[in-house]
Protein backbone atom coordinates (compact mmCIF):
# COMPACT_ATOMS: atom_id res chain seq x y z
CA MET A 1 3.45 163.97 98.12
CA GLU A 2 6.69 165.04 99.71
CA THR A 3 7.17 163.40 103.06
CA VAL A 4 8.52 165.09 106.14
CA GLN A 5 10.23 163.22 108.93
CA THR A 6 8.34 163.16 112.20
CA ASN A 7 11.40 162.85 114.42
CA THR A 8 11.86 166.53 115.10
CA MET A 9 8.29 167.20 116.04
CA THR A 10 7.49 163.98 117.85
CA THR A 11 10.53 164.23 120.04
CA ALA A 12 9.70 167.86 120.63
CA VAL A 13 6.50 166.94 122.40
CA SER A 14 7.12 168.52 125.70
CA ASP A 15 5.58 170.04 128.74
CA LEU A 16 4.01 172.55 126.38
CA ALA A 17 1.47 169.89 125.53
CA MET A 18 0.19 170.02 129.08
CA ASP A 19 -0.79 173.65 128.50
CA ALA A 20 -2.36 173.07 125.10
CA THR A 21 -5.34 175.28 124.36
CA GLY A 22 -7.00 175.71 120.99
CA LEU A 23 -6.73 174.19 117.55
CA ASP A 24 -4.24 176.76 116.31
CA ASP A 25 -1.91 176.17 119.22
CA GLN A 26 1.41 174.43 118.46
CA ALA A 27 1.29 172.46 121.68
CA SER A 28 -2.24 171.24 120.92
CA PHE A 29 -1.11 169.90 117.59
CA GLU A 30 1.96 168.26 119.13
CA ARG A 31 -0.21 166.60 121.74
CA HIS A 32 -2.58 165.37 119.05
CA LEU A 33 0.32 164.03 116.98
CA SER A 34 1.89 162.33 119.97
CA ALA A 35 -1.34 160.56 120.89
CA SER A 36 -2.07 159.46 117.33
CA THR A 37 -1.73 155.76 116.48
CA LEU A 38 -1.54 156.40 112.74
CA PRO A 39 1.39 155.07 110.68
CA THR A 40 4.42 157.30 110.28
CA VAL A 41 3.67 158.27 106.69
CA TRP A 42 0.29 159.68 107.70
CA LYS A 43 1.87 161.58 110.58
CA ASP A 44 4.35 163.03 108.08
CA TRP A 45 1.43 164.32 106.02
CA LYS A 46 -0.08 165.83 109.13
CA ILE A 47 3.08 167.78 109.84
CA GLU A 48 3.22 168.99 106.27
CA PHE A 49 -0.38 170.22 106.40
CA TRP A 50 0.15 171.80 109.83
CA ARG A 51 3.00 173.86 108.44
CA LYS A 52 0.85 174.84 105.48
CA PHE A 53 -1.92 175.91 107.89
CA GLN A 54 0.55 178.05 109.81
CA ASP A 55 1.91 179.66 106.64
CA LEU A 56 -1.47 180.61 105.17
CA PRO A 57 -3.08 183.86 106.33
CA MET A 58 -6.50 183.94 107.94
CA PRO A 59 -9.05 184.96 105.27
CA LYS A 60 -10.51 188.43 105.45
CA SER A 61 -13.83 189.71 104.20
CA ARG A 62 -12.05 191.90 101.64
CA ASP A 63 -10.61 188.82 99.93
CA GLU A 64 -12.45 188.09 96.68
CA HIS A 65 -13.34 184.54 97.74
CA TRP A 66 -14.82 185.92 100.96
CA ARG A 67 -16.66 188.83 99.41
CA PHE A 68 -19.84 189.73 101.33
CA SER A 69 -18.91 187.45 104.22
CA LYS A 70 -19.13 189.09 107.57
CA ARG A 71 -16.02 189.36 109.68
CA ILE A 72 -14.76 185.90 110.45
CA ASP A 73 -15.80 186.28 114.05
CA PHE A 74 -14.69 183.00 115.51
CA GLU A 75 -11.44 182.05 117.17
CA LEU A 76 -9.86 178.69 116.44
CA SER A 77 -8.35 178.90 119.92
CA SER A 78 -11.89 178.37 121.28
CA TYR A 79 -12.06 174.79 120.03
CA GLN A 80 -10.34 171.55 121.00
CA LEU A 81 -10.47 167.88 120.19
CA ALA A 82 -12.81 166.17 122.63
CA GLU A 83 -12.28 163.20 124.89
CA LYS A 84 -14.12 159.95 124.20
CA PRO A 85 -17.88 160.44 124.76
CA SER A 86 -19.69 158.78 127.64
CA GLU A 87 -21.95 155.76 127.21
CA GLU A 88 -25.00 157.97 127.79
CA VAL A 89 -23.94 160.35 125.02
CA VAL A 90 -23.26 157.45 122.64
CA ALA A 91 -26.66 155.90 123.37
CA GLU A 92 -28.39 159.22 122.65
CA ALA A 93 -26.49 159.70 119.39
CA VAL A 94 -27.35 156.19 118.19
CA LYS A 95 -30.99 156.70 119.15
CA ARG A 96 -31.21 159.96 117.19
CA SER A 97 -29.38 158.73 114.07
CA ASN A 98 -32.59 158.09 112.22
CA VAL A 99 -32.70 160.21 109.07
CA VAL A 100 -32.38 157.01 107.02
CA GLY A 101 -33.73 153.61 108.11
CA ALA A 102 -33.17 151.22 105.20
CA LEU A 103 -29.44 151.16 104.44
CA SER A 104 -26.55 149.05 103.20
CA GLY A 105 -24.13 150.06 105.95
CA ARG A 106 -23.79 152.73 108.62
CA PHE A 107 -21.18 154.48 110.74
CA ILE A 108 -21.96 156.79 113.63
CA PHE A 109 -19.23 159.13 114.84
CA VAL A 110 -19.38 161.29 117.99
CA ASP A 111 -16.70 163.94 118.52
CA ASN A 112 -14.36 162.18 116.04
CA PHE A 113 -14.86 158.77 117.68
CA LEU A 114 -16.49 155.86 115.85
CA VAL A 115 -19.17 154.69 118.30
CA HIS A 116 -21.38 152.46 116.16
CA ARG A 117 -21.19 150.54 112.91
CA ASP A 118 -23.60 148.48 110.84
CA ASN A 119 -21.30 146.45 108.62
CA LEU A 120 -22.02 145.37 105.08
CA ASP A 121 -23.66 142.01 104.59
CA GLU A 122 -21.71 139.07 103.14
CA GLU A 123 -23.22 139.41 99.67
CA THR A 124 -22.18 143.06 99.37
CA LEU A 125 -18.70 142.28 100.67
CA SER A 126 -18.37 139.45 98.17
CA ARG A 127 -18.92 141.94 95.36
CA GLY A 128 -15.81 143.83 96.39
CA VAL A 129 -17.44 146.82 98.07
CA ILE A 130 -15.26 148.52 100.69
CA PHE A 131 -16.98 150.63 103.31
CA LEU A 132 -14.66 151.21 106.25
CA PRO A 133 -13.59 153.90 108.71
CA LEU A 134 -10.73 155.81 107.13
CA GLU A 135 -7.95 154.56 109.40
CA GLU A 136 -9.05 150.94 109.04
CA ALA A 137 -9.30 151.31 105.26
CA PHE A 138 -5.77 152.72 105.17
CA GLU A 139 -4.51 149.74 107.16
CA LYS A 140 -6.26 147.09 105.05
CA HIS A 141 -6.25 148.68 101.56
CA ARG A 142 -3.37 151.11 101.70
CA ASP A 143 -2.42 150.98 98.01
CA LEU A 144 -5.97 151.83 97.00
CA VAL A 145 -6.60 154.50 99.64
CA GLU A 146 -3.31 156.28 98.99
CA GLN A 147 -4.42 156.99 95.41
CA TYR A 148 -7.09 159.34 96.74
CA LEU A 149 -6.27 160.39 100.31
CA PHE A 150 -5.43 164.10 100.63
CA GLN A 151 -5.10 164.45 96.85
CA GLU A 152 -7.90 167.00 96.43
CA SER A 153 -8.72 170.48 97.63
CA THR A 154 -11.16 173.14 96.62
CA ASP A 155 -9.69 176.36 95.27
CA LEU A 156 -12.39 178.64 96.57
CA GLY A 157 -10.87 180.44 99.52
CA SER A 158 -10.75 178.00 102.45
CA GLU A 159 -7.30 176.58 101.83
CA LYS A 160 -6.24 177.47 105.39
CA PHE A 161 -9.15 175.54 106.90
CA HIS A 162 -8.55 172.67 104.49
CA ALA A 163 -4.95 172.44 105.71
CA LEU A 164 -6.16 172.53 109.32
CA HIS A 165 -8.58 169.73 108.54
CA ASN A 166 -5.87 167.56 107.04
CA ALA A 167 -3.56 168.25 109.97
CA TYR A 168 -6.08 166.99 112.51
CA SER A 169 -8.36 164.64 110.61
CA GLU A 170 -8.18 160.91 111.38
CA THR A 171 -11.83 159.94 111.24
CA GLY A 172 -14.26 159.62 108.43
CA TYR A 173 -14.78 156.84 105.97
CA PHE A 174 -13.64 155.28 102.72
CA LEU A 175 -16.30 153.99 100.32
CA TYR A 176 -15.30 152.10 97.19
CA VAL A 177 -17.81 150.44 94.88
CA PRO A 178 -16.09 148.39 92.16
CA LYS A 179 -16.75 148.23 88.45
CA ASN A 180 -20.28 147.17 87.40
CA VAL A 181 -21.55 146.85 90.98
CA GLU A 182 -24.93 148.40 91.81
CA ILE A 183 -26.03 148.87 95.41
CA GLU A 184 -29.67 149.76 95.94
CA LYS A 185 -29.75 150.95 99.57
CA PRO A 186 -27.66 153.95 100.62
CA PHE A 187 -24.51 154.01 102.72
CA VAL A 188 -25.22 156.27 105.70
CA VAL A 189 -22.86 158.10 108.06
CA ASP A 190 -23.87 160.26 111.04
CA HIS A 191 -21.34 162.79 112.37
CA TRP A 192 -22.25 164.16 115.82
CA GLN A 193 -20.80 166.85 118.04
CA SER A 194 -21.51 166.62 121.76
CA ALA A 195 -18.85 168.11 124.04
CA PRO A 196 -18.56 171.91 124.54
CA GLY A 197 -16.04 173.53 122.21
CA THR A 198 -15.56 170.35 120.21
CA ALA A 199 -13.81 170.41 116.83
CA THR A 200 -14.61 167.61 114.40
CA PHE A 201 -12.89 166.80 111.11
CA PRO A 202 -14.80 164.18 109.12
CA HIS A 203 -12.90 163.11 106.00
CA ILE A 204 -14.96 161.47 103.30
CA LEU A 205 -13.64 159.55 100.30
CA VAL A 206 -16.14 158.13 97.83
CA ILE A 207 -14.96 156.22 94.75
CA GLY A 208 -17.31 154.82 92.14
CA GLY A 209 -15.77 152.29 89.77
CA GLU A 210 -16.77 152.04 86.11
CA ASN A 211 -20.53 151.64 85.66
CA SER A 212 -21.13 151.37 89.41
CA ARG A 213 -24.32 152.76 90.93
CA PHE A 214 -24.96 153.74 94.55
CA SER A 215 -25.84 156.56 96.94
CA VAL A 216 -24.37 157.86 100.19
CA VAL A 217 -25.85 160.03 102.93
CA ASP A 218 -23.89 162.21 105.39
CA VAL A 219 -25.64 163.83 108.34
CA HIS A 220 -23.81 166.42 110.49
CA GLN A 221 -25.56 167.38 113.74
CA SER A 222 -25.12 168.70 117.28
CA LEU A 223 -26.37 166.55 120.11
CA PHE A 224 -27.00 169.57 122.35
CA ASP A 225 -28.31 173.03 121.45
CA ASP A 226 -26.23 175.02 123.93
CA ARG A 227 -22.69 173.83 123.15
CA GLU A 228 -20.41 175.57 120.70
CA GLY A 229 -18.71 173.47 118.08
CA PHE A 230 -16.47 173.67 115.05
CA GLY A 231 -17.15 171.22 112.23
CA CYS A 232 -14.76 171.10 109.28
CA SER A 233 -15.69 168.37 106.82
CA VAL A 234 -13.90 167.47 103.59
CA GLY A 235 -15.57 165.24 101.00
CA ASN A 236 -13.95 164.00 97.79
CA VAL A 237 -15.96 162.08 95.21
CA PHE A 238 -14.31 160.27 92.29
CA ALA A 239 -16.63 158.95 89.58
CA GLU A 240 -15.05 156.68 86.98
CA SER A 241 -16.53 156.15 83.50
CA GLY A 242 -20.22 155.34 83.55
CA ALA A 243 -20.57 155.56 87.33
CA ARG A 244 -23.83 156.85 88.82
CA ILE A 245 -23.31 158.40 92.25
CA PHE A 246 -25.82 160.25 94.37
CA ARG A 247 -24.51 162.04 97.49
CA LYS A 248 -26.92 163.58 99.98
CA THR A 249 -25.76 165.76 102.87
CA VAL A 250 -27.63 167.28 105.81
CA GLN A 251 -26.03 169.98 107.99
CA ASN A 252 -27.99 170.57 111.17
CA TYR A 253 -25.51 171.85 113.75
CA ASN A 254 -26.82 174.07 116.54
CA GLU A 255 -26.73 177.84 116.14
CA LYS A 256 -23.65 178.21 118.32
CA SER A 257 -21.51 176.26 115.87
CA VAL A 258 -19.26 177.13 112.97
CA ALA A 259 -19.37 174.76 110.01
CA PHE A 260 -17.19 174.20 106.97
CA GLN A 261 -17.97 171.69 104.23
CA LEU A 262 -15.30 171.57 101.53
CA ASP A 263 -16.24 169.19 98.71
CA THR A 264 -14.78 168.20 95.36
CA ASN A 265 -16.17 165.99 92.61
CA ASN A 266 -14.00 164.47 89.88
CA VAL A 267 -16.21 163.25 87.07
CA ASP A 268 -15.20 161.03 84.19
CA ARG A 269 -16.80 160.03 80.89
CA ASP A 270 -20.55 159.21 80.74
CA THR A 271 -21.01 159.52 84.49
CA SER A 272 -24.05 160.72 86.38
CA VAL A 273 -23.23 162.52 89.61
CA ARG A 274 -25.81 164.22 91.77
CA GLY A 275 -25.41 166.09 95.01
CA ILE A 276 -28.03 167.53 97.35
CA ASN A 277 -27.37 169.58 100.48
CA LEU A 278 -29.88 170.56 103.13
CA ASN A 279 -28.43 173.36 105.29
CA LEU A 280 -30.24 174.21 108.50
CA GLY A 281 -27.75 174.86 111.28
CA GLY A 282 -24.63 176.69 112.33
CA ARG A 283 -24.04 180.30 113.33
CA ARG A 284 -21.61 180.66 110.44
CA SER A 285 -21.63 178.02 107.70
CA ARG A 286 -19.38 177.87 104.68
CA PHE A 287 -19.97 175.38 101.87
CA GLU A 288 -17.55 175.04 98.97
CA ASN A 289 -18.30 172.67 96.14
CA GLU A 290 -16.03 172.19 93.14
CA VAL A 291 -16.85 169.95 90.19
CA ARG A 292 -14.34 168.95 87.54
CA ILE A 293 -15.83 167.30 84.48
CA ASN A 294 -13.01 165.49 82.73
CA GLY A 295 -14.94 163.18 80.41
CA SER A 296 -17.52 163.73 77.67
CA GLY A 297 -21.09 162.62 78.22
CA ALA A 298 -21.02 163.40 81.93
CA ASP A 299 -24.18 164.69 83.60
CA VAL A 300 -23.87 166.53 86.92
CA LYS A 301 -26.76 167.89 88.97
CA LEU A 302 -26.16 169.96 92.10
CA TYR A 303 -28.92 171.05 94.46
CA SER A 304 -28.98 172.88 97.77
CA LEU A 305 -31.69 174.03 100.18
CA THR A 306 -30.97 176.46 103.00
CA ILE A 307 -33.16 177.92 105.73
CA ALA A 308 -31.54 180.80 107.59
CA GLU A 309 -32.88 182.53 110.70
CA ASN A 310 -31.79 184.92 113.45
CA ASP A 311 -28.26 186.08 112.52
CA GLN A 312 -27.16 182.91 110.76
CA GLU A 313 -24.87 183.30 107.77
CA PHE A 314 -24.64 180.66 105.03
CA ASP A 315 -21.78 181.26 102.61
CA GLN A 316 -21.94 179.12 99.45
CA ARG A 317 -19.14 179.03 96.86
CA THR A 318 -19.25 176.79 93.81
CA LEU A 319 -17.16 176.07 90.74
CA GLN A 320 -18.27 173.99 87.75
CA ILE A 321 -15.27 173.21 85.55
CA HIS A 322 -15.86 171.70 82.11
CA ASN A 323 -12.68 170.23 80.69
CA ALA A 324 -14.36 167.84 78.23
CA PRO A 325 -16.93 168.30 75.43
CA ASN A 326 -20.57 167.18 75.34
CA ALA A 327 -21.18 167.28 79.07
CA VAL A 328 -23.92 168.79 81.23
CA SER A 329 -23.86 170.47 84.62
CA ASP A 330 -26.89 172.01 86.28
CA LEU A 331 -26.87 173.78 89.65
CA LEU A 332 -29.90 174.97 91.61
CA TYR A 333 -29.45 176.54 95.06
CA LYS A 334 -32.52 177.77 96.94
CA ASN A 335 -32.39 179.82 100.13
CA ALA A 336 -35.19 180.93 102.47
CA LEU A 337 -34.19 183.68 104.88
CA MET A 338 -35.78 184.93 108.10
CA ASP A 339 -34.96 187.64 110.65
CA HIS A 340 -31.50 189.20 110.16
CA SER A 341 -29.98 186.18 108.47
CA ARG A 342 -27.70 186.36 105.47
CA THR A 343 -26.81 184.11 102.56
CA ILE A 344 -24.04 184.48 100.04
CA PHE A 345 -23.91 182.59 96.79
CA SER A 346 -20.88 182.91 94.55
CA GLY A 347 -20.74 180.47 91.65
CA LEU A 348 -18.65 180.21 88.51
CA ILE A 349 -18.95 178.07 85.40
CA LYS A 350 -15.62 177.61 83.61
CA VAL A 351 -15.57 176.04 80.15
CA ALA A 352 -12.22 175.09 78.67
CA LYS A 353 -11.36 175.75 75.03
CA ASP A 354 -11.88 172.15 73.95
CA ALA A 355 -15.09 171.59 75.92
CA GLN A 356 -17.39 172.25 72.99
CA GLN A 357 -21.11 171.37 73.13
CA THR A 358 -21.17 172.04 76.86
CA ASP A 359 -24.55 172.57 78.55
CA ALA A 360 -24.05 174.34 81.87
CA TYR A 361 -26.54 176.14 84.09
CA GLN A 362 -26.42 177.85 87.41
CA THR A 363 -29.38 179.23 89.33
CA ASN A 364 -29.65 180.79 92.77
CA ARG A 365 -33.12 181.66 94.09
CA ASN A 366 -33.70 183.46 97.36
CA LEU A 367 -36.94 183.91 99.29
CA LEU A 368 -36.88 186.66 101.91
CA LEU A 369 -39.31 186.13 104.78
CA ASN A 370 -38.28 189.35 106.50
CA GLU A 371 -37.22 192.68 105.12
CA THR A 372 -34.10 192.66 107.31
CA ALA A 373 -32.78 189.42 105.81
CA GLN A 374 -30.08 189.75 103.16
CA ALA A 375 -29.25 187.55 100.17
CA ASN A 376 -26.15 188.16 98.04
CA SER A 377 -25.65 186.46 94.70
CA LEU A 378 -22.58 186.45 92.47
CA PRO A 379 -23.09 184.05 89.56
CA GLY A 380 -20.49 184.06 86.81
CA LEU A 381 -19.31 182.54 83.53
CA GLU A 382 -15.83 182.08 82.11
CA ILE A 383 -16.05 180.49 78.68
CA GLU A 384 -13.24 179.78 76.21
CA ALA A 385 -15.18 177.49 73.84
CA ASN A 386 -17.42 178.95 71.12
CA ASP A 387 -20.15 176.31 70.74
CA VAL A 388 -21.80 175.99 74.14
CA LYS A 389 -25.07 176.62 75.94
CA CYS A 390 -24.35 178.22 79.30
CA SER A 391 -26.46 180.45 81.48
CA HIS A 392 -26.64 181.71 85.01
CA GLY A 393 -29.21 183.61 86.98
CA ALA A 394 -30.21 184.75 90.42
CA THR A 395 -33.52 185.95 91.82
CA THR A 396 -34.44 187.38 95.20
CA GLY A 397 -38.02 188.06 96.21
CA GLN A 398 -40.34 188.56 99.15
CA LEU A 399 -43.19 186.32 100.20
CA ASP A 400 -46.31 186.90 98.15
CA ARG A 401 -48.32 189.28 100.34
CA GLU A 402 -51.67 188.15 98.94
CA GLU A 403 -50.89 184.50 99.60
CA LEU A 404 -49.74 185.32 103.13
CA PHE A 405 -52.89 187.37 103.72
CA TYR A 406 -54.98 184.41 102.53
CA PHE A 407 -53.42 182.15 105.19
CA LEU A 408 -53.69 184.74 107.98
CA GLN A 409 -57.35 185.40 107.21
CA ARG A 410 -58.06 181.73 107.83
CA GLY A 411 -56.52 181.81 111.29
CA ILE A 412 -53.22 180.21 110.31
CA PRO A 413 -50.36 181.69 112.39
CA LYS A 414 -47.79 183.65 110.40
CA THR A 415 -44.97 181.18 111.18
CA ILE A 416 -47.05 178.25 109.93
CA ALA A 417 -48.03 180.20 106.84
CA GLN A 418 -44.38 180.94 106.13
CA GLN A 419 -43.52 177.28 106.64
CA LEU A 420 -46.16 176.19 104.11
CA MET A 421 -44.93 178.72 101.58
CA VAL A 422 -41.30 177.68 102.08
CA PHE A 423 -42.24 174.04 101.52
CA GLY A 424 -43.87 175.09 98.26
CA PHE A 425 -40.67 176.94 97.32
CA PHE A 426 -38.45 173.97 98.23
CA GLU A 427 -40.53 171.08 96.97
CA GLU A 428 -38.97 170.76 93.53
CA VAL A 429 -35.63 170.05 95.21
CA ILE A 430 -36.93 167.91 98.10
CA GLU A 431 -38.46 165.57 95.52
CA GLN A 432 -34.98 165.00 94.10
CA PHE A 433 -33.93 163.02 97.19
CA GLU A 434 -35.72 160.00 95.64
CA SER A 435 -36.47 158.46 99.03
CA ALA A 436 -39.94 158.89 100.52
CA GLU A 437 -38.60 158.11 103.99
CA MET A 438 -35.75 160.59 103.76
CA GLU A 439 -37.91 163.26 102.16
CA GLU A 440 -40.39 163.06 105.04
CA ASN A 441 -37.64 163.03 107.66
CA LEU A 442 -36.09 166.13 106.12
CA ARG A 443 -39.46 167.87 106.01
CA GLU A 444 -39.71 167.08 109.74
CA LEU A 445 -36.33 168.72 110.37
CA ILE A 446 -37.60 171.81 108.57
CA ARG A 447 -40.86 171.72 110.58
CA GLU A 448 -38.82 171.55 113.81
CA LYS A 449 -36.95 174.66 112.80
CA PHE A 450 -40.18 176.56 112.17
CA ALA A 451 -41.72 175.16 115.39
CA LYS A 452 -38.85 176.69 117.40
CA LYS A 453 -39.44 179.95 115.60
CA GLN A 454 -43.12 179.84 116.51
CA LEU A 455 -42.29 179.20 120.18
CA GLN A 456 -39.94 182.20 120.12
CA ALA A 457 -42.71 184.33 118.62
CA VAL A 458 -45.18 183.24 121.32
CA ALA A 459 -42.65 183.84 124.09
CA SER A 460 -41.87 187.35 122.88
CA ALA A 461 -45.53 188.32 122.36
C-alpha cells in the first residue's frame, strides 16, 4: 500500500476541529486523526482512505449495484463518533451481551470503545491462538496483522462506505488460529451502539491456518430503541488449506439506525467455510458478501435469515467467485416481510474458465406476510467453464391462507400465527447454527420482534 505522509494533515488540525459536525466533514476527520493514538503508518492509511472516500460519488438508486434500493435517505452529517460511554451504559451492555454463554473468549465494544474482555485461557494461548482487539494485535503482532489489514474490499457497490469505514475504524478484533489447532467453543464479540447519532466501525479480521477448526460470533445491537445510529462493519475471513471456519452474525440495531455489513471470504484448497446471518434491525440495512474460492475441494455454505417490518429495507448483495475446479458453494437467503417493508437480493455466481467441475447454487426465498410488502430478487450466473453444475432461483409467496385460517379458528392471534409460520419457514436455517443455546436465544430475538408487533396491533385496535 502506498503510504501518505501525515504531516500536512496533522499540522493542519485547526480551529475547524472545534466546529466539527458529521462524519463527512473534513474537520471531524481531522479531529479524529489528531486524537488517534495509532502508529503513523496506520494514520497514513487513514488519510489515504479519507481521500478515496471524498473522491468517490455517493451511490444512487439508478446505479446497477443499487438497483431497487430506495433513495439513500440518510445523511452522513447526522452521525458522529461518540464519547466514552458511562459506567451505567457499560454495565447494561455487559448484562445484555448474552446471545452466547459458553465461549473461548469475548470482547464487548460500546460506541467503538472496548469495555469488557474475557481473555483466552492459558492452554488456548499456548497453542498459538491470537484473539486481540485490533489495535493491540497490530502493536504485538504487526508483521502478521499487516498481511491482512485493509487488504480486502467487496466490489458490490459500497466502495465509498468501505473507504469511510477504513478512514475512521480503529476498533474491532484480530483472530488467528494456527495450523492444526481446533477450538471447540466459539469466539464471541458484541458490538453495541448507545449514544444518539453514534457511528461505529467494527473491523473484523479472521484467519484460519491450515487444518484449523473454530467458530466466531458477531452480534451488532443498539442499547436503546430511540437513538439513531450508523453502523458500518467490515469483516474479512481468510481460510487456508483445510481450515474449517464457521462465522455467525446477528444484526439487531434499532429501527432508527442505518447498517452496513461488508464482508469478504478468501477460501483456499479443501476448506469448509460457513456463514450465517440473522438480520432483524435497522431502518436501512445493506449486506454485501463476496466469496472467492481459490482452491479446489473447497466447500462454502452461506445462509441468511431476515425479518422485515414497517418500512424497513434490507438490501442484500452477494458474489460467489469460483477460481478453482472441484469446489462447491451453496447460498440460501430467506426473507419474511411484514407491513410496507422491502427486501432486495442481488446475487451472482461467477465461474472462471479453469474452474471445471464446479457445483454452485444460489437460492432466495421470500415470504410475504402483507400484500404491501415488496421482495425483489436478481439472481444471476456468469460461467466461462463448460463442465459445471450451477443453478439459481428465487421464489416469493404469500402465507398459506388455509393454514392461517386454521390458526385463527383456534383463537390464536394473527401475529402469533404469523410468528409460528415464519418459524416453520426459517427452521431449516436456524438448525444450521449448531448450538442449541444460540438457536434458542435467536428464536427469542425473533419472538421479541413479533411481540412488539402484537403490542402495536393491540394499541391501534
